[in-house]
Every structure is written in structure tokens, then in C-alpha cells.
């Protein structure tokens, strides 16, 4: 639920209600909640970038003929 409301920030003035925050705080240790937020943010970034560029999530990234997932050293 926290990831969902954090994704929809522009949809409402109180993006993450106290009830949702408190529920998330119950499920994660004190250090786990900030780490979870740090994972939600880049995930949302890549989702939005994929939507803007019409890229399929999980598709292989190729830059200048190089595939970062393979060993292209010659």
C-alpha cells in the first residue's frame, strides 16, 4: 500500500496518510522503512521513464551497440 500511495503523489494533497505510514511502520523495522522508501523512489522513476519512452519494462538495454548484461570486451 505504501508503494501505491507514494506512486500517486499528485492525485491528492495528503499523499501518504498517517494511517498508511503507521501501518507500514508496523511491518518494517526502524531502519527498514527508509530503505523501503529508497527502493520505491527509483522503481517509480524507471516506471515513469519506461512509460514516457514507450519501452517495455525488463527489455534489454543497449547503448551504442553494447549490452550491459553481456561481456562485450574484445
PDB file of N, CA and C in Angstrom:
ATOM      1  N   UNK A   1       0.824  -1.185   0.000  1.00  0.00           N
ATOM      2  CA  UNK A   1       0.000   0.000   0.000  1.00  0.00           C
ATOM      3  C   UNK A   1       0.871   1.254   0.000  1.00  0.00           C
ATOM      4  N   UNK A   2       1.957   1.259   0.744  1.00  0.00           N
ATOM      5  CA  UNK A   2       2.844   2.425   0.792  1.00  0.00           C
ATOM      6  C   UNK A   2       3.383   2.746  -0.596  1.00  0.00           C
ATOM      7  N   UNK A   3       3.813   1.735  -1.336  1.00  0.00           N
ATOM      8  CA  UNK A   3       4.341   1.971  -2.683  1.00  0.00           C
ATOM      9  C   UNK A   3       3.268   2.549  -3.594  1.00  0.00           C
ATOM     10  N   UNK A   4       2.043   2.075  -3.461  1.00  0.00           N
ATOM     11  CA  UNK A   4       0.955   2.572  -4.296  1.00  0.00           C
ATOM     12  C   UNK A   4       0.669   4.043  -4.030  1.00  0.00           C
ATOM     13  N   UNK A   5       0.557   4.432  -2.768  1.00  0.00           N
ATOM     14  CA  UNK A   5       0.248   5.832  -2.479  1.00  0.00           C
ATOM     15  C   UNK A   5       1.436   6.730  -2.765  1.00  0.00           C
ATOM     16  N   UNK A   6       2.647   6.220  -2.621  1.00  0.00           N
ATOM     17  CA  UNK A   6       3.825   7.017  -2.951  1.00  0.00           C
ATOM     18  C   UNK A   6       3.919   7.249  -4.452  1.00  0.00           C
ATOM     19  N   UNK A   7       3.364   6.343  -5.232  1.00  0.00           N
ATOM     20  CA  UNK A   7       3.356   6.480  -6.680  1.00  0.00           C
ATOM     21  C   UNK A   7       2.350   7.532  -7.131  1.00  0.00           C
ATOM     22  N   UNK A   8       1.270   7.670  -6.405  1.00  0.00           N
ATOM     23  CA  UNK A   8       0.177   8.565  -6.793  1.00  0.00           C
ATOM     24  C   UNK A   8       0.230   9.885  -6.038  1.00  0.00           C
ATOM     25  N   UNK A   9       1.405  10.452  -5.880  1.00  0.00           N
ATOM     26  CA  UNK A   9       1.581  11.677  -5.107  1.00  0.00           C
ATOM     27  C   UNK A   9       0.745  12.847  -5.616  1.00  0.00           C
ATOM     28  N   UNK A  10       0.645  12.997  -6.909  1.00  0.00           N
ATOM     29  CA  UNK A  10      -0.051  14.158  -7.479  1.00  0.00           C
ATOM     30  C   UNK A  10      -1.567  14.026  -7.413  1.00  0.00           C
ATOM     31  N   UNK A  11      -2.063  12.867  -7.072  1.00  0.00           N
ATOM     32  CA  UNK A  11      -3.504  12.642  -7.090  1.00  0.00           C
ATOM     33  C   UNK A  11      -4.242  13.201  -5.884  1.00  0.00           C
ATOM     34  N   UNK A  12      -3.530  13.533  -4.824  1.00  0.00           N
ATOM     35  CA  UNK A  12      -4.200  14.033  -3.614  1.00  0.00           C
ATOM     36  C   UNK A  12      -3.215  14.847  -2.786  1.00  0.00           C
ATOM     37  N   UNK A  13      -3.719  15.796  -2.010  1.00  0.00           N
ATOM     38  CA  UNK A  13      -2.823  16.659  -1.226  1.00  0.00           C
ATOM     39  C   UNK A  13      -2.083  15.918  -0.109  1.00  0.00           C
ATOM     40  N   UNK A  14      -2.726  14.948   0.526  1.00  0.00           N
ATOM     41  CA  UNK A  14      -2.106  14.169   1.599  1.00  0.00           C
ATOM     42  C   UNK A  14      -1.734  12.812   1.018  1.00  0.00           C
ATOM     43  N   UNK A  15      -0.620  12.768   0.310  1.00  0.00           N
ATOM     44  CA  UNK A  15      -0.262  11.577  -0.466  1.00  0.00           C
ATOM     45  C   UNK A  15      -0.162  10.315   0.388  1.00  0.00           C
ATOM     46  N   UNK A  16       0.539  10.393   1.479  1.00  0.00           N
ATOM     47  CA  UNK A  16       0.681   9.236   2.365  1.00  0.00           C
ATOM     48  C   UNK A  16       0.048   9.610   3.698  1.00  0.00           C
ATOM     49  N   UNK A  17      -1.110   9.037   3.952  1.00  0.00           N
ATOM     50  CA  UNK A  17      -1.824   9.364   5.186  1.00  0.00           C
ATOM     51  C   UNK A  17      -1.083   8.799   6.398  1.00  0.00           C
ATOM     52  N   UNK A  18      -1.398   9.339   7.544  1.00  0.00           N
ATOM     53  CA  UNK A  18      -0.797   8.828   8.783  1.00  0.00           C
ATOM     54  C   UNK A  18      -1.147   7.359   8.990  1.00  0.00           C
ATOM     55  N   UNK A  19      -2.346   6.967   8.613  1.00  0.00           N
ATOM     56  CA  UNK A  19      -2.768   5.569   8.788  1.00  0.00           C
ATOM     57  C   UNK A  19      -1.902   4.630   7.951  1.00  0.00           C
ATOM     58  N   UNK A  20      -1.634   5.001   6.715  1.00  0.00           N
ATOM     59  CA  UNK A  20      -0.800   4.156   5.843  1.00  0.00           C
ATOM     60  C   UNK A  20       0.635   4.146   6.343  1.00  0.00           C
ATOM     61  N   UNK A  21       1.137   5.310   6.732  1.00  0.00           N
ATOM     62  CA  UNK A  21       2.505   5.380   7.251  1.00  0.00           C
ATOM     63  C   UNK A  21       2.643   4.518   8.504  1.00  0.00           C
ATOM     64  N   UNK A  22       1.701   4.621   9.420  1.00  0.00           N
ATOM     65  CA  UNK A  22       1.748   3.843  10.661  1.00  0.00           C
ATOM     66  C   UNK A  22       1.663   2.347  10.388  1.00  0.00           C
ATOM     67  N   UNK A  23       0.844   1.951   9.408  1.00  0.00           N
ATOM     68  CA  UNK A  23       0.738   0.537   9.045  1.00  0.00           C
ATOM     69  C   UNK A  23       2.059   0.028   8.471  1.00  0.00           C
ATOM     70  N   UNK A  24       2.682   0.836   7.631  1.00  0.00           N
ATOM     71  CA  UNK A  24       3.980   0.444   7.072  1.00  0.00           C
ATOM     72  C   UNK A  24       5.031   0.368   8.179  1.00  0.00           C
ATOM     73  N   UNK A  25       4.985   1.303   9.115  1.00  0.00           N
ATOM     74  CA  UNK A  25       5.956   1.320  10.215  1.00  0.00           C
ATOM     75  C   UNK A  25       5.828   0.072  11.086  1.00  0.00           C
ATOM     76  N   UNK A  26       4.633  -0.485  11.175  1.00  0.00           N
ATOM     77  CA  UNK A  26       4.425  -1.712  11.953  1.00  0.00           C
ATOM     78  C   UNK A  26       5.080  -2.919  11.276  1.00  0.00           C
ATOM     79  N   UNK A  27       5.160  -2.877   9.947  1.00  0.00           N
ATOM     80  CA  UNK A  27       5.643  -4.035   9.186  1.00  0.00           C
ATOM     81  C   UNK A  27       7.153  -4.045   8.978  1.00  0.00           C
ATOM     82  N   UNK A  28       7.792  -2.903   9.165  1.00  0.00           N
ATOM     83  CA  UNK A  28       9.230  -2.808   8.938  1.00  0.00           C
ATOM     84  C   UNK A  28       9.936  -2.353  10.205  1.00  0.00           C
ATOM     85  N   UNK A  29      11.170  -2.798  10.347  1.00  0.00           N
ATOM     86  CA  UNK A  29      11.983  -2.306  11.454  1.00  0.00           C
ATOM     87  C   UNK A  29      12.288  -0.835  11.221  1.00  0.00           C
ATOM     88  N   UNK A  30      12.820  -0.156  12.239  1.00  0.00           N
ATOM     89  CA  UNK A  30      13.085   1.277  12.143  1.00  0.00           C
ATOM     90  C   UNK A  30      13.960   1.622  10.938  1.00  0.00           C
ATOM     91  N   UNK A  31      14.981   0.816  10.675  1.00  0.00           N
ATOM     92  CA  UNK A  31      15.867   1.080   9.539  1.00  0.00           C
ATOM     93  C   UNK A  31      15.292   0.553   8.224  1.00  0.00           C
ATOM     94  N   UNK A  32      14.339  -0.348   8.305  1.00  0.00           N
ATOM     95  CA  UNK A  32      13.781  -0.947   7.099  1.00  0.00           C
ATOM     96  C   UNK A  32      12.850  -0.030   6.340  1.00  0.00           C
ATOM     97  N   UNK A  33      12.128   0.839   7.035  1.00  0.00           N
ATOM     98  CA  UNK A  33      11.178   1.723   6.365  1.00  0.00           C
ATOM     99  C   UNK A  33      11.876   2.732   5.454  1.00  0.00           C
ATOM    100  N   UNK A  34      12.923   3.416   5.898  1.00  0.00           N
ATOM    101  CA  UNK A  34      13.626   4.320   4.976  1.00  0.00           C
ATOM    102  C   UNK A  34      14.223   3.592   3.766  1.00  0.00           C
ATOM    103  N   UNK A  35      14.726   2.387   3.989  1.00  0.00           N
ATOM    104  CA  UNK A  35      15.287   1.612   2.885  1.00  0.00           C
ATOM    105  C   UNK A  35      14.181   1.272   1.881  1.00  0.00           C
ATOM    106  N   UNK A  36      13.015   0.935   2.395  1.00  0.00           N
ATOM    107  CA  UNK A  36      11.877   0.642   1.527  1.00  0.00           C
ATOM    108  C   UNK A  36      11.519   1.865   0.684  1.00  0.00           C
ATOM    109  N   UNK A  37      11.515   3.037   1.305  1.00  0.00           N
ATOM    110  CA  UNK A  37      11.227   4.271   0.565  1.00  0.00           C
ATOM    111  C   UNK A  37      12.278   4.527  -0.506  1.00  0.00           C
ATOM    112  N   UNK A  38      13.533   4.220  -0.190  1.00  0.00           N
ATOM    113  CA  UNK A  38      14.600   4.406  -1.167  1.00  0.00           C
ATOM    114  C   UNK A  38      14.502   3.422  -2.329  1.00  0.00           C
ATOM    115  N   UNK A  39      13.806   2.330  -2.149  1.00  0.00           N
ATOM    116  CA  UNK A  39      13.578   1.398  -3.250  1.00  0.00           C
ATOM    117  C   UNK A  39      12.340   1.792  -4.058  1.00  0.00           C
ATOM    118  N   UNK A  40      11.343   2.364  -3.398  1.00  0.00           N
ATOM    119  CA  UNK A  40      10.131   2.798  -4.092  1.00  0.00           C
ATOM    120  C   UNK A  40      10.459   3.920  -5.077  1.00  0.00           C
ATOM    121  N   UNK A  41      11.282   4.876  -4.651  1.00  0.00           N
ATOM    122  CA  UNK A  41      11.566   6.059  -5.476  1.00  0.00           C
ATOM    123  C   UNK A  41      12.199   5.710  -6.833  1.00  0.00           C
ATOM    124  N   UNK A  42      13.301   4.949  -6.881  1.00  0.00           N
ATOM    125  CA  UNK A  42      13.870   4.648  -8.204  1.00  0.00           C
ATOM    126  C   UNK A  42      12.974   3.731  -9.033  1.00  0.00           C
ATOM    127  N   UNK A  43      12.229   2.852  -8.370  1.00  0.00           N
ATOM    128  CA  UNK A  43      11.301   1.995  -9.099  1.00  0.00           C
ATOM    129  C   UNK A  43      10.264   2.853  -9.819  1.00  0.00           C
ATOM    130  N   UNK A  44       9.718   3.844  -9.106  1.00  0.00           N
ATOM    131  CA  UNK A  44       8.751   4.750  -9.727  1.00  0.00           C
ATOM    132  C   UNK A  44       9.391   5.538 -10.860  1.00  0.00           C
ATOM    133  N   UNK A  45      10.636   5.955 -10.673  1.00  0.00           N
ATOM    134  CA  UNK A  45      11.342   6.683 -11.721  1.00  0.00           C
ATOM    135  C   UNK A  45      11.423   5.855 -12.991  1.00  0.00           C
ATOM    136  N   UNK A  46      11.850   4.602 -12.875  1.00  0.00           N
ATOM    137  CA  UNK A  46      12.005   3.765 -14.058  1.00  0.00           C
ATOM    138  C   UNK A  46      10.660   3.418 -14.690  1.00  0.00           C
ATOM    139  N   UNK A  47       9.636   3.247 -13.887  1.00  0.00           N
ATOM    140  CA  UNK A  47       8.294   3.007 -14.428  1.00  0.00           C
ATOM    141  C   UNK A  47       7.859   4.200 -15.267  1.00  0.00           C
ATOM    142  N   UNK A  48       8.075   5.402 -14.743  1.00  0.00           N
ATOM    143  CA  UNK A  48       7.683   6.611 -15.474  1.00  0.00           C
ATOM    144  C   UNK A  48       8.526   6.803 -16.734  1.00  0.00           C
ATOM    145  N   UNK A  49       9.821   6.554 -16.646  1.00  0.00           N
ATOM    146  CA  UNK A  49      10.673   6.676 -17.833  1.00  0.00           C
ATOM    147  C   UNK A  49      10.282   5.667 -18.909  1.00  0.00           C
ATOM    148  N   UNK A  50       9.962   4.450 -18.501  1.00  0.00           N
ATOM    149  CA  UNK A  50       9.519   3.443 -19.473  1.00  0.00           C
ATOM    150  C   UNK A  50       8.214   3.868 -20.128  1.00  0.00           C
ATOM    151  N   UNK A  51       7.300   4.449 -19.370  1.00  0.00           N
ATOM    152  CA  UNK A  51       6.031   4.901 -19.938  1.00  0.00           C
ATOM    153  C   UNK A  51       6.258   6.044 -20.924  1.00  0.00           C
ATOM    154  N   UNK A  52       7.110   6.992 -20.548  1.00  0.00           N
ATOM    155  CA  UNK A  52       7.379   8.143 -21.415  1.00  0.00           C
ATOM    156  C   UNK A  52       8.039   7.721 -22.718  1.00  0.00           C
ATOM    157  N   UNK A  53       9.008   6.814 -22.625  1.00  0.00           N
ATOM    158  CA  UNK A  53       9.759   6.392 -23.808  1.00  0.00           C
ATOM    159  C   UNK A  53       9.138   5.189 -24.504  1.00  0.00           C
ATOM    160  N   UNK A  54       8.025   4.707 -23.960  1.00  0.00           N
ATOM    161  CA  UNK A  54       7.298   3.554 -24.518  1.00  0.00           C
ATOM    162  C   UNK A  54       8.175   2.316 -24.602  1.00  0.00           C
ATOM    163  N   UNK A  55       9.047   2.169 -23.605  1.00  0.00           N
ATOM    164  CA  UNK A  55       9.899   0.983 -23.514  1.00  0.00           C
ATOM    165  C   UNK A  55       9.197  -0.076 -22.683  1.00  0.00           C
ATOM    166  N   UNK A  56       9.364  -1.309 -23.061  1.00  0.00           N
ATOM    167  CA  UNK A  56       8.789  -2.401 -22.299  1.00  0.00           C
ATOM    168  C   UNK A  56       9.668  -2.658 -21.080  1.00  0.00           C
ATOM    169  N   UNK A  57       9.048  -2.719 -19.916  1.00  0.00           N
ATOM    170  CA  UNK A  57       9.810  -2.989 -18.694  1.00  0.00           C
ATOM    171  C   UNK A  57      10.504  -4.336 -18.822  1.00  0.00           C
ATOM    172  N   UNK A  58      11.780  -4.359 -18.438  1.00  0.00           N
ATOM    173  CA  UNK A  58      12.550  -5.593 -18.487  1.00  0.00           C
ATOM    174  C   UNK A  58      13.222  -5.850 -19.825  1.00  0.00           C
ATOM    175  N   UNK A  59      12.990  -4.987 -20.812  1.00  0.00           N
ATOM    176  CA  UNK A  59      13.634  -5.166 -22.112  1.00  0.00           C
ATOM    177  C   UNK A  59      15.135  -4.920 -21.968  1.00  0.00           C
ATOM    178  N   UNK A  60      15.908  -5.528 -22.802  1.00  0.00           N
ATOM    179  CA  UNK A  60      17.360  -5.395 -22.749  1.00  0.00           C
ATOM    180  C   UNK A  60      17.779  -3.990 -23.155  1.00  0.00           C
ATOM    181  N   UNK A  61      18.611  -3.380 -22.366  1.00  0.00           N
ATOM    182  CA  UNK A  61      19.134  -2.056 -22.649  1.00  0.00           C
ATOM    183  C   UNK A  61      20.357  -2.180 -23.541  1.00  0.00           C
ATOM    184  N   UNK A  62      20.377  -1.434 -24.618  1.00  0.00           N
ATOM    185  CA  UNK A  62      21.540  -1.429 -25.494  1.00  0.00           C
ATOM    186  C   UNK A  62      21.972   0.008 -25.720  1.00  0.00           C
ATOM    187  N   UNK A  63      23.213   0.296 -25.434  1.00  0.00           N
ATOM    188  CA  UNK A  63      23.784   1.621 -25.612  1.00  0.00           C
ATOM    189  C   UNK A  63      24.944   1.533 -26.580  1.00  0.00           C
ATOM    190  N   UNK A  64      24.834   2.204 -27.702  1.00  0.00           N
ATOM    191  CA  UNK A  64      25.905   2.214 -28.700  1.00  0.00           C
ATOM    192  C   UNK A  64      26.370   0.808 -29.038  1.00  0.00           C
ATOM    193  N   UNK A  65      25.420  -0.090 -29.161  1.00  0.00           N
ATOM    194  CA  UNK A  65      25.757  -1.457 -29.538  1.00  0.00           C
ATOM    195  C   UNK A  65      26.281  -2.308 -28.403  1.00  0.00           C
ATOM    196  N   UNK A  66      26.369  -1.759 -27.204  1.00  0.00           N
ATOM    197  CA  UNK A  66      26.859  -2.509 -26.051  1.00  0.00           C
ATOM    198  C   UNK A  66      25.691  -2.976 -25.205  1.00  0.00           C
ATOM    199  N   UNK A  67      25.716  -4.186 -24.813  1.00  0.00           N
ATOM    200  CA  UNK A  67      24.687  -4.735 -23.940  1.00  0.00           C
ATOM    201  C   UNK A  67      25.300  -4.842 -22.553  1.00  0.00           C
ATOM    202  N   UNK A  68      24.799  -4.037 -21.569  1.00  0.00           N
ATOM    203  CA  UNK A  68      25.401  -4.055 -20.243  1.00  0.00           C
ATOM    204  C   UNK A  68      25.312  -5.411 -19.557  1.00  0.00           C
ATOM    205  N   UNK A  69      24.432  -6.281 -20.037  1.00  0.00           N
ATOM    206  CA  UNK A  69      24.280  -7.580 -19.411  1.00  0.00           C
ATOM    207  C   UNK A  69      25.219  -8.637 -19.972  1.00  0.00           C
ATOM    208  N   UNK A  70      26.037  -8.275 -20.927  1.00  0.00           N
ATOM    209  CA  UNK A  70      26.949  -9.269 -21.502  1.00  0.00           C
ATOM    210  C   UNK A  70      28.392  -8.756 -21.439  1.00  0.00           C
ATOM    211  N   UNK A  71      29.307  -9.639 -21.719  1.00  0.00           N
ATOM    212  CA  UNK A  71      30.726  -9.264 -21.717  1.00  0.00           C
ATOM    213  C   UNK A  71      31.105  -8.873 -23.141  1.00  0.00           C
ATOM    214  N   UNK A  72      31.107  -7.567 -23.408  1.00  0.00           N
ATOM    215  CA  UNK A  72      31.378  -7.066 -24.751  1.00  0.00           C
ATOM    216  C   UNK A  72      32.841  -6.682 -24.949  1.00  0.00           C
ATOM    217  N   UNK A  73      33.704  -7.087 -24.072  1.00  0.00           N
ATOM    218  CA  UNK A  73      35.117  -6.745 -24.220  1.00  0.00           C
ATOM    219  C   UNK A  73      35.737  -7.591 -25.317  1.00  0.00           C
ATOM    220  N   UNK A  74      36.368  -6.951 -26.255  1.00  0.00           N
ATOM    221  CA  UNK A  74      37.036  -7.687 -27.343  1.00  0.00           C
ATOM    222  C   UNK A  74      38.531  -7.588 -27.221  1.00  0.00           C
TER     223      UNK A  74
END
